[in-house]
């Protein structure tokens, strides 16, 4: 299912509020294969860590969500991901000692 920018912002904000309302304790990124990025790249533990991802219609829409969380709300995140339209998913995870940026 593909989501709008506003839908993803709302869902991410609700998720953050549920688990830990401190924005600096979260990482928001972009990926073409978000579950692989979460587990393989960042070391997120699928069954233990809070994480979420959503697919948007375009890379620009996904980047808009990421820019809002990283630039405006102060989450961690790398904004140097490729501009490819394949990167249309935005993901979120709670930073832990075992995770990697």
PDB file of N, CA and C in Angstrom:
ATOM      1  N   UNK A   1       0.835  -1.173   0.000  1.00  0.00           N
ATOM      2  CA  UNK A   1       0.000   0.000   0.000  1.00  0.00           C
ATOM      3  C   UNK A   1       0.886   1.244   0.000  1.00  0.00           C
ATOM      4  N   UNK A   2       0.516   2.229  -0.789  1.00  0.00           N
ATOM      5  CA  UNK A   2       1.263   3.471  -0.902  1.00  0.00           C
ATOM      6  C   UNK A   2       0.548   4.549  -0.082  1.00  0.00           C
ATOM      7  N   UNK A   3       1.324   5.310   0.673  1.00  0.00           N
ATOM      8  CA  UNK A   3       0.772   6.307   1.585  1.00  0.00           C
ATOM      9  C   UNK A   3       1.133   7.723   1.146  1.00  0.00           C
ATOM     10  N   UNK A   4       0.362   8.698   1.621  1.00  0.00           N
ATOM     11  CA  UNK A   4       0.657  10.106   1.357  1.00  0.00           C
ATOM     12  C   UNK A   4       1.655  10.623   2.398  1.00  0.00           C
ATOM     13  N   UNK A   5       2.248  11.764   2.100  1.00  0.00           N
ATOM     14  CA  UNK A   5       3.192  12.390   3.024  1.00  0.00           C
ATOM     15  C   UNK A   5       2.522  12.627   4.378  1.00  0.00           C
ATOM     16  N   UNK A   6       1.328  13.180   4.372  1.00  0.00           N
ATOM     17  CA  UNK A   6       0.634  13.483   5.628  1.00  0.00           C
ATOM     18  C   UNK A   6       0.296  12.225   6.418  1.00  0.00           C
ATOM     19  N   UNK A   7      -0.109  11.165   5.725  1.00  0.00           N
ATOM     20  CA  UNK A   7      -0.407   9.903   6.412  1.00  0.00           C
ATOM     21  C   UNK A   7       0.827   9.364   7.127  1.00  0.00           C
ATOM     22  N   UNK A   8       1.955   9.384   6.442  1.00  0.00           N
ATOM     23  CA  UNK A   8       3.186   8.845   7.029  1.00  0.00           C
ATOM     24  C   UNK A   8       3.649   9.711   8.197  1.00  0.00           C
ATOM     25  N   UNK A   9       3.594  11.020   8.041  1.00  0.00           N
ATOM     26  CA  UNK A   9       3.961  11.896   9.159  1.00  0.00           C
ATOM     27  C   UNK A   9       3.108  11.572  10.386  1.00  0.00           C
ATOM     28  N   UNK A  10       1.813  11.462  10.187  1.00  0.00           N
ATOM     29  CA  UNK A  10       0.900  11.183  11.297  1.00  0.00           C
ATOM     30  C   UNK A  10       1.221   9.835  11.946  1.00  0.00           C
ATOM     31  N   UNK A  11       1.407   8.800  11.128  1.00  0.00           N
ATOM     32  CA  UNK A  11       1.689   7.469  11.682  1.00  0.00           C
ATOM     33  C   UNK A  11       3.025   7.433  12.409  1.00  0.00           C
ATOM     34  N   UNK A  12       4.050   8.066  11.846  1.00  0.00           N
ATOM     35  CA  UNK A  12       5.350   8.099  12.507  1.00  0.00           C
ATOM     36  C   UNK A  12       5.271   8.865  13.833  1.00  0.00           C
ATOM     37  N   UNK A  13       4.574   9.995  13.837  1.00  0.00           N
ATOM     38  CA  UNK A  13       4.436  10.766  15.076  1.00  0.00           C
ATOM     39  C   UNK A  13       3.707   9.964  16.149  1.00  0.00           C
ATOM     40  N   UNK A  14       2.656   9.264  15.768  1.00  0.00           N
ATOM     41  CA  UNK A  14       1.915   8.436  16.726  1.00  0.00           C
ATOM     42  C   UNK A  14       2.793   7.311  17.262  1.00  0.00           C
ATOM     43  N   UNK A  15       3.604   6.715  16.384  1.00  0.00           N
ATOM     44  CA  UNK A  15       4.494   5.617  16.778  1.00  0.00           C
ATOM     45  C   UNK A  15       5.556   6.116  17.757  1.00  0.00           C
ATOM     46  N   UNK A  16       6.150   7.254  17.442  1.00  0.00           N
ATOM     47  CA  UNK A  16       7.159   7.840  18.324  1.00  0.00           C
ATOM     48  C   UNK A  16       6.543   8.149  19.689  1.00  0.00           C
ATOM     49  N   UNK A  17       5.384   8.754  19.687  1.00  0.00           N
ATOM     50  CA  UNK A  17       4.713   9.101  20.940  1.00  0.00           C
ATOM     51  C   UNK A  17       4.431   7.858  21.781  1.00  0.00           C
ATOM     52  N   UNK A  18       4.085   6.761  21.125  1.00  0.00           N
ATOM     53  CA  UNK A  18       3.763   5.523  21.838  1.00  0.00           C
ATOM     54  C   UNK A  18       4.976   4.919  22.542  1.00  0.00           C
ATOM     55  N   UNK A  19       6.148   4.957  21.891  1.00  0.00           N
ATOM     56  CA  UNK A  19       7.321   4.258  22.425  1.00  0.00           C
ATOM     57  C   UNK A  19       8.316   5.152  23.160  1.00  0.00           C
ATOM     58  N   UNK A  20       8.569   6.355  22.654  1.00  0.00           N
ATOM     59  CA  UNK A  20       9.534   7.269  23.274  1.00  0.00           C
ATOM     60  C   UNK A  20       9.391   8.630  22.595  1.00  0.00           C
ATOM     61  N   UNK A  21       8.815   9.616  23.264  1.00  0.00           N
ATOM     62  CA  UNK A  21       8.538  10.898  22.617  1.00  0.00           C
ATOM     63  C   UNK A  21       9.761  11.792  22.381  1.00  0.00           C
ATOM     64  N   UNK A  22      10.947  11.331  22.726  1.00  0.00           N
ATOM     65  CA  UNK A  22      12.165  12.119  22.506  1.00  0.00           C
ATOM     66  C   UNK A  22      12.655  11.876  21.075  1.00  0.00           C
ATOM     67  N   UNK A  23      12.505  12.877  20.201  1.00  0.00           N
ATOM     68  CA  UNK A  23      12.822  12.709  18.778  1.00  0.00           C
ATOM     69  C   UNK A  23      14.276  12.316  18.528  1.00  0.00           C
ATOM     70  N   UNK A  24      15.194  12.795  19.356  1.00  0.00           N
ATOM     71  CA  UNK A  24      16.612  12.487  19.138  1.00  0.00           C
ATOM     72  C   UNK A  24      16.937  11.008  19.368  1.00  0.00           C
ATOM     73  N   UNK A  25      16.012  10.248  19.913  1.00  0.00           N
ATOM     74  CA  UNK A  25      16.211   8.810  20.127  1.00  0.00           C
ATOM     75  C   UNK A  25      15.762   7.969  18.935  1.00  0.00           C
ATOM     76  N   UNK A  26      15.445   8.618  17.825  1.00  0.00           N
ATOM     77  CA  UNK A  26      14.929   7.924  16.645  1.00  0.00           C
ATOM     78  C   UNK A  26      15.771   8.237  15.413  1.00  0.00           C
ATOM     79  N   UNK A  27      15.776   7.306  14.476  1.00  0.00           N
ATOM     80  CA  UNK A  27      16.472   7.462  13.201  1.00  0.00           C
ATOM     81  C   UNK A  27      15.435   7.325  12.093  1.00  0.00           C
ATOM     82  N   UNK A  28      15.468   8.223  11.119  1.00  0.00           N
ATOM     83  CA  UNK A  28      14.566   8.170   9.970  1.00  0.00           C
ATOM     84  C   UNK A  28      15.415   8.131   8.707  1.00  0.00           C
ATOM     85  N   UNK A  29      15.186   7.124   7.870  1.00  0.00           N
ATOM     86  CA  UNK A  29      15.964   6.970   6.651  1.00  0.00           C
ATOM     87  C   UNK A  29      15.112   6.612   5.451  1.00  0.00           C
ATOM     88  N   UNK A  30      15.766   6.567   4.284  1.00  0.00           N
ATOM     89  CA  UNK A  30      15.126   6.190   3.027  1.00  0.00           C
ATOM     90  C   UNK A  30      15.780   4.933   2.487  1.00  0.00           C
ATOM     91  N   UNK A  31      15.003   4.102   1.821  1.00  0.00           N
ATOM     92  CA  UNK A  31      15.563   2.878   1.245  1.00  0.00           C
ATOM     93  C   UNK A  31      14.650   2.353   0.150  1.00  0.00           C
ATOM     94  N   UNK A  32      15.246   1.538  -0.715  1.00  0.00           N
ATOM     95  CA  UNK A  32      14.440   0.824  -1.704  1.00  0.00           C
ATOM     96  C   UNK A  32      13.958  -0.504  -1.125  1.00  0.00           C
ATOM     97  N   UNK A  33      14.696  -1.031  -0.164  1.00  0.00           N
ATOM     98  CA  UNK A  33      14.318  -2.255   0.544  1.00  0.00           C
ATOM     99  C   UNK A  33      14.450  -1.971   2.046  1.00  0.00           C
ATOM    100  N   UNK A  34      13.435  -1.349   2.628  1.00  0.00           N
ATOM    101  CA  UNK A  34      13.565  -0.854   4.000  1.00  0.00           C
ATOM    102  C   UNK A  34      13.799  -1.921   5.062  1.00  0.00           C
ATOM    103  N   UNK A  35      13.178  -3.071   4.933  1.00  0.00           N
ATOM    104  CA  UNK A  35      13.377  -4.101   5.968  1.00  0.00           C
ATOM    105  C   UNK A  35      14.829  -4.583   5.954  1.00  0.00           C
ATOM    106  N   UNK A  36      15.398  -4.720   4.780  1.00  0.00           N
ATOM    107  CA  UNK A  36      16.810  -5.107   4.679  1.00  0.00           C
ATOM    108  C   UNK A  36      17.705  -4.024   5.277  1.00  0.00           C
ATOM    109  N   UNK A  37      17.398  -2.761   4.984  1.00  0.00           N
ATOM    110  CA  UNK A  37      18.191  -1.661   5.542  1.00  0.00           C
ATOM    111  C   UNK A  37      18.112  -1.653   7.067  1.00  0.00           C
ATOM    112  N   UNK A  38      16.922  -1.837   7.598  1.00  0.00           N
ATOM    113  CA  UNK A  38      16.746  -1.840   9.052  1.00  0.00           C
ATOM    114  C   UNK A  38      17.568  -2.935   9.719  1.00  0.00           C
ATOM    115  N   UNK A  39      17.479  -4.134   9.200  1.00  0.00           N
ATOM    116  CA  UNK A  39      18.116  -5.281   9.850  1.00  0.00           C
ATOM    117  C   UNK A  39      19.596  -5.393   9.496  1.00  0.00           C
ATOM    118  N   UNK A  40      19.920  -5.361   8.206  1.00  0.00           N
ATOM    119  CA  UNK A  40      21.304  -5.575   7.774  1.00  0.00           C
ATOM    120  C   UNK A  40      22.196  -4.346   7.974  1.00  0.00           C
ATOM    121  N   UNK A  41      21.709  -3.188   7.593  1.00  0.00           N
ATOM    122  CA  UNK A  41      22.531  -1.980   7.666  1.00  0.00           C
ATOM    123  C   UNK A  41      22.569  -1.387   9.076  1.00  0.00           C
ATOM    124  N   UNK A  42      21.414  -1.335   9.729  1.00  0.00           N
ATOM    125  CA  UNK A  42      21.328  -0.644  11.019  1.00  0.00           C
ATOM    126  C   UNK A  42      21.364  -1.562  12.235  1.00  0.00           C
ATOM    127  N   UNK A  43      21.246  -2.853  12.040  1.00  0.00           N
ATOM    128  CA  UNK A  43      21.311  -3.785  13.161  1.00  0.00           C
ATOM    129  C   UNK A  43      20.066  -3.819  14.030  1.00  0.00           C
ATOM    130  N   UNK A  44      18.941  -3.390  13.467  1.00  0.00           N
ATOM    131  CA  UNK A  44      17.682  -3.422  14.209  1.00  0.00           C
ATOM    132  C   UNK A  44      17.284  -4.876  14.448  1.00  0.00           C
ATOM    133  N   UNK A  45      16.851  -5.158  15.645  1.00  0.00           N
ATOM    134  CA  UNK A  45      16.381  -6.509  15.985  1.00  0.00           C
ATOM    135  C   UNK A  45      14.880  -6.561  15.720  1.00  0.00           C
ATOM    136  N   UNK A  46      14.529  -7.315  14.703  1.00  0.00           N
ATOM    137  CA  UNK A  46      13.160  -7.371  14.186  1.00  0.00           C
ATOM    138  C   UNK A  46      12.118  -7.603  15.272  1.00  0.00           C
ATOM    139  N   UNK A  47      12.401  -8.487  16.189  1.00  0.00           N
ATOM    140  CA  UNK A  47      11.416  -8.879  17.195  1.00  0.00           C
ATOM    141  C   UNK A  47      11.535  -8.120  18.521  1.00  0.00           C
ATOM    142  N   UNK A  48      12.510  -7.207  18.633  1.00  0.00           N
ATOM    143  CA  UNK A  48      12.720  -6.509  19.905  1.00  0.00           C
ATOM    144  C   UNK A  48      12.625  -4.991  19.808  1.00  0.00           C
ATOM    145  N   UNK A  49      13.078  -4.429  18.707  1.00  0.00           N
ATOM    146  CA  UNK A  49      13.166  -2.976  18.580  1.00  0.00           C
ATOM    147  C   UNK A  49      11.919  -2.386  17.924  1.00  0.00           C
ATOM    148  N   UNK A  50      11.512  -1.192  18.361  1.00  0.00           N
ATOM    149  CA  UNK A  50      10.429  -0.496  17.667  1.00  0.00           C
ATOM    150  C   UNK A  50      10.919   0.015  16.309  1.00  0.00           C
ATOM    151  N   UNK A  51      10.243  -0.348  15.257  1.00  0.00           N
ATOM    152  CA  UNK A  51      10.579   0.108  13.912  1.00  0.00           C
ATOM    153  C   UNK A  51       9.315   0.098  13.062  1.00  0.00           C
ATOM    154  N   UNK A  52       9.369   0.857  11.968  1.00  0.00           N
ATOM    155  CA  UNK A  52       8.213   0.998  11.094  1.00  0.00           C
ATOM    156  C   UNK A  52       8.701   1.508   9.755  1.00  0.00           C
ATOM    157  N   UNK A  53       8.056   1.097   8.676  1.00  0.00           N
ATOM    158  CA  UNK A  53       8.345   1.715   7.384  1.00  0.00           C
ATOM    159  C   UNK A  53       7.076   1.843   6.572  1.00  0.00           C
ATOM    160  N   UNK A  54       7.104   2.812   5.644  1.00  0.00           N
ATOM    161  CA  UNK A  54       5.967   3.064   4.765  1.00  0.00           C
ATOM    162  C   UNK A  54       6.486   3.391   3.373  1.00  0.00           C
ATOM    163  N   UNK A  55       5.741   2.960   2.368  1.00  0.00           N
ATOM    164  CA  UNK A  55       6.077   3.282   0.985  1.00  0.00           C
ATOM    165  C   UNK A  55       5.252   4.479   0.539  1.00  0.00           C
ATOM    166  N   UNK A  56       5.916   5.411  -0.124  1.00  0.00           N
ATOM    167  CA  UNK A  56       5.246   6.576  -0.676  1.00  0.00           C
ATOM    168  C   UNK A  56       5.260   6.486  -2.197  1.00  0.00           C
ATOM    169  N   UNK A  57       4.595   7.409  -2.852  1.00  0.00           N
ATOM    170  CA  UNK A  57       4.462   7.343  -4.299  1.00  0.00           C
ATOM    171  C   UNK A  57       5.773   7.636  -5.020  1.00  0.00           C
ATOM    172  N   UNK A  58       6.569   8.556  -4.486  1.00  0.00           N
ATOM    173  CA  UNK A  58       7.810   8.964  -5.147  1.00  0.00           C
ATOM    174  C   UNK A  58       8.946   9.130  -4.136  1.00  0.00           C
ATOM    175  N   UNK A  59      10.153   9.213  -4.669  1.00  0.00           N
ATOM    176  CA  UNK A  59      11.319   9.515  -3.844  1.00  0.00           C
ATOM    177  C   UNK A  59      11.172  10.896  -3.219  1.00  0.00           C
ATOM    178  N   UNK A  60      10.659  11.828  -3.977  1.00  0.00           N
ATOM    179  CA  UNK A  60      10.483  13.190  -3.459  1.00  0.00           C
ATOM    180  C   UNK A  60       9.539  13.208  -2.253  1.00  0.00           C
ATOM    181  N   UNK A  61       8.462  12.448  -2.316  1.00  0.00           N
ATOM    182  CA  UNK A  61       7.523  12.372  -1.191  1.00  0.00           C
ATOM    183  C   UNK A  61       8.201  11.750   0.027  1.00  0.00           C
ATOM    184  N   UNK A  62       8.945  10.672  -0.189  1.00  0.00           N
ATOM    185  CA  UNK A  62       9.657  10.019   0.917  1.00  0.00           C
ATOM    186  C   UNK A  62      10.686  10.972   1.519  1.00  0.00           C
ATOM    187  N   UNK A  63      11.388  11.705   0.665  1.00  0.00           N
ATOM    188  CA  UNK A  63      12.395  12.659   1.135  1.00  0.00           C
ATOM    189  C   UNK A  63      11.739  13.805   1.928  1.00  0.00           C
ATOM    190  N   UNK A  64      10.550  14.202   1.530  1.00  0.00           N
ATOM    191  CA  UNK A  64       9.818  15.244   2.259  1.00  0.00           C
ATOM    192  C   UNK A  64       9.539  14.799   3.690  1.00  0.00           C
ATOM    193  N   UNK A  65       9.122  13.546   3.851  1.00  0.00           N
ATOM    194  CA  UNK A  65       8.873  13.005   5.191  1.00  0.00           C
ATOM    195  C   UNK A  65      10.177  12.979   5.986  1.00  0.00           C
ATOM    196  N   UNK A  66      11.236  12.457   5.376  1.00  0.00           N
ATOM    197  CA  UNK A  66      12.520  12.380   6.078  1.00  0.00           C
ATOM    198  C   UNK A  66      13.011  13.774   6.473  1.00  0.00           C
ATOM    199  N   UNK A  67      12.921  14.729   5.557  1.00  0.00           N
ATOM    200  CA  UNK A  67      13.369  16.090   5.858  1.00  0.00           C
ATOM    201  C   UNK A  67      12.598  16.695   7.030  1.00  0.00           C
ATOM    202  N   UNK A  68      11.319  16.403   7.114  1.00  0.00           N
ATOM    203  CA  UNK A  68      10.500  16.906   8.217  1.00  0.00           C
ATOM    204  C   UNK A  68      11.001  16.365   9.557  1.00  0.00           C
ATOM    205  N   UNK A  69      11.243  15.066   9.613  1.00  0.00           N
ATOM    206  CA  UNK A  69      11.665  14.465  10.881  1.00  0.00           C
ATOM    207  C   UNK A  69      13.107  14.818  11.234  1.00  0.00           C
ATOM    208  N   UNK A  70      14.005  14.756  10.268  1.00  0.00           N
ATOM    209  CA  UNK A  70      15.423  15.029  10.543  1.00  0.00           C
ATOM    210  C   UNK A  70      15.668  16.532  10.699  1.00  0.00           C
ATOM    211  N   UNK A  71      15.177  17.315   9.744  1.00  0.00           N
ATOM    212  CA  UNK A  71      15.454  18.749   9.742  1.00  0.00           C
ATOM    213  C   UNK A  71      14.622  19.561  10.714  1.00  0.00           C
ATOM    214  N   UNK A  72      13.361  19.211  10.859  1.00  0.00           N
ATOM    215  CA  UNK A  72      12.456  20.012  11.686  1.00  0.00           C
ATOM    216  C   UNK A  72      12.326  19.487  13.123  1.00  0.00           C
ATOM    217  N   UNK A  73      12.199  18.171  13.273  1.00  0.00           N
ATOM    218  CA  UNK A  73      11.957  17.600  14.599  1.00  0.00           C
ATOM    219  C   UNK A  73      13.218  17.095  15.296  1.00  0.00           C
ATOM    220  N   UNK A  74      14.318  16.937  14.563  1.00  0.00           N
ATOM    221  CA  UNK A  74      15.585  16.592  15.196  1.00  0.00           C
ATOM    222  C   UNK A  74      15.875  15.118  15.383  1.00  0.00           C
ATOM    223  N   UNK A  75      15.252  14.256  14.574  1.00  0.00           N
ATOM    224  CA  UNK A  75      15.648  12.849  14.625  1.00  0.00           C
ATOM    225  C   UNK A  75      16.998  12.701  13.936  1.00  0.00           C
ATOM    226  N   UNK A  76      17.650  11.577  14.167  1.00  0.00           N
ATOM    227  CA  UNK A  76      18.868  11.259  13.426  1.00  0.00           C
ATOM    228  C   UNK A  76      18.453  10.787  12.034  1.00  0.00           C
ATOM    229  N   UNK A  77      19.388  10.842  11.092  1.00  0.00           N
ATOM    230  CA  UNK A  77      19.103  10.359   9.752  1.00  0.00           C
ATOM    231  C   UNK A  77      20.122  10.853   8.756  1.00  0.00           C
ATOM    232  N   UNK A  78      20.387  10.051   7.748  1.00  0.00           N
ATOM    233  CA  UNK A  78      21.326  10.393   6.689  1.00  0.00           C
ATOM    234  C   UNK A  78      20.536  10.864   5.477  1.00  0.00           C
ATOM    235  N   UNK A  79      20.692  12.132   5.120  1.00  0.00           N
ATOM    236  CA  UNK A  79      19.933  12.670   3.984  1.00  0.00           C
ATOM    237  C   UNK A  79      20.709  12.585   2.678  1.00  0.00           C
ATOM    238  N   UNK A  80      21.783  11.825   2.647  1.00  0.00           N
ATOM    239  CA  UNK A  80      22.588  11.681   1.435  1.00  0.00           C
ATOM    240  C   UNK A  80      22.258  10.423   0.647  1.00  0.00           C
ATOM    241  N   UNK A  81      21.047   9.913   0.756  1.00  0.00           N
ATOM    242  CA  UNK A  81      20.660   8.721   0.002  1.00  0.00           C
ATOM    243  C   UNK A  81      20.421   9.094  -1.455  1.00  0.00           C
ATOM    244  N   UNK A  82      20.512   8.131  -2.360  1.00  0.00           N
ATOM    245  CA  UNK A  82      20.338   8.414  -3.784  1.00  0.00           C
ATOM    246  C   UNK A  82      18.982   9.042  -4.104  1.00  0.00           C
ATOM    247  N   UNK A  83      18.957   9.819  -5.179  1.00  0.00           N
ATOM    248  CA  UNK A  83      17.725  10.463  -5.637  1.00  0.00           C
ATOM    249  C   UNK A  83      16.878   9.520  -6.492  1.00  0.00           C
ATOM    250  N   UNK A  84      17.267   8.278  -6.602  1.00  0.00           N
ATOM    251  CA  UNK A  84      16.569   7.301  -7.437  1.00  0.00           C
ATOM    252  C   UNK A  84      15.128   7.119  -6.990  1.00  0.00           C
ATOM    253  N   UNK A  85      14.221   6.975  -7.956  1.00  0.00           N
ATOM    254  CA  UNK A  85      12.812   6.727  -7.642  1.00  0.00           C
ATOM    255  C   UNK A  85      12.616   5.376  -6.962  1.00  0.00           C
ATOM    256  N   UNK A  86      13.629   4.494  -7.013  1.00  0.00           N
ATOM    257  CA  UNK A  86      13.538   3.223  -6.295  1.00  0.00           C
ATOM    258  C   UNK A  86      13.502   3.451  -4.782  1.00  0.00           C
ATOM    259  N   UNK A  87      14.071   4.557  -4.331  1.00  0.00           N
ATOM    260  CA  UNK A  87      14.123   4.871  -2.901  1.00  0.00           C
ATOM    261  C   UNK A  87      12.854   5.630  -2.513  1.00  0.00           C
ATOM    262  N   UNK A  88      11.733   4.910  -2.474  1.00  0.00           N
ATOM    263  CA  UNK A  88      10.437   5.535  -2.195  1.00  0.00           C
ATOM    264  C   UNK A  88       9.855   5.100  -0.852  1.00  0.00           C
ATOM    265  N   UNK A  89      10.664   4.452  -0.027  1.00  0.00           N
ATOM    266  CA  UNK A  89      10.215   4.028   1.304  1.00  0.00           C
ATOM    267  C   UNK A  89      10.960   4.827   2.361  1.00  0.00           C
ATOM    268  N   UNK A  90      10.236   5.215   3.380  1.00  0.00           N
ATOM    269  CA  UNK A  90      10.838   5.897   4.518  1.00  0.00           C
ATOM    270  C   UNK A  90      10.666   4.985   5.727  1.00  0.00           C
ATOM    271  N   UNK A  91      11.718   4.876   6.537  1.00  0.00           N
ATOM    272  CA  UNK A  91      11.662   3.984   7.692  1.00  0.00           C
ATOM    273  C   UNK A  91      12.094   4.722   8.950  1.00  0.00           C
ATOM    274  N   UNK A  92      11.734   4.128  10.069  1.00  0.00           N
ATOM    275  CA  UNK A  92      11.950   4.721  11.371  1.00  0.00           C
ATOM    276  C   UNK A  92      12.336   3.614  12.337  1.00  0.00           C
ATOM    277  N   UNK A  93      13.331   3.870  13.172  1.00  0.00           N
ATOM    278  CA  UNK A  93      13.621   2.920  14.253  1.00  0.00           C
ATOM    279  C   UNK A  93      14.125   3.675  15.475  1.00  0.00           C
ATOM    280  N   UNK A  94      13.917   3.069  16.628  1.00  0.00           N
ATOM    281  CA  UNK A  94      14.395   3.644  17.880  1.00  0.00           C
ATOM    282  C   UNK A  94      15.861   3.252  18.055  1.00  0.00           C
ATOM    283  N   UNK A  95      16.691   4.232  18.248  1.00  0.00           N
ATOM    284  CA  UNK A  95      18.123   4.012  18.409  1.00  0.00           C
ATOM    285  C   UNK A  95      18.379   3.253  19.712  1.00  0.00           C
ATOM    286  N   UNK A  96      19.243   2.243  19.627  1.00  0.00           N
ATOM    287  CA  UNK A  96      19.628   1.443  20.791  1.00  0.00           C
ATOM    288  C   UNK A  96      21.143   1.249  20.759  1.00  0.00           C
ATOM    289  N   UNK A  97      21.702   0.696  21.823  1.00  0.00           N
ATOM    290  CA  UNK A  97      23.152   0.476  21.880  1.00  0.00           C
ATOM    291  C   UNK A  97      23.641  -0.416  20.750  1.00  0.00           C
ATOM    292  N   UNK A  98      22.826  -1.355  20.306  1.00  0.00           N
ATOM    293  CA  UNK A  98      23.251  -2.306  19.281  1.00  0.00           C
ATOM    294  C   UNK A  98      22.946  -1.834  17.855  1.00  0.00           C
ATOM    295  N   UNK A  99      22.230  -0.714  17.680  1.00  0.00           N
ATOM    296  CA  UNK A  99      21.927  -0.251  16.323  1.00  0.00           C
ATOM    297  C   UNK A  99      23.053   0.630  15.800  1.00  0.00           C
ATOM    298  N   UNK A 100      23.096   0.742  14.472  1.00  0.00           N
ATOM    299  CA  UNK A 100      24.128   1.534  13.795  1.00  0.00           C
ATOM    300  C   UNK A 100      23.458   2.578  12.907  1.00  0.00           C
ATOM    301  N   UNK A 101      23.992   3.817  12.891  1.00  0.00           N
ATOM    302  CA  UNK A 101      23.407   4.851  12.009  1.00  0.00           C
ATOM    303  C   UNK A 101      23.670   4.567  10.539  1.00  0.00           C
TER     304      UNK A 101
END
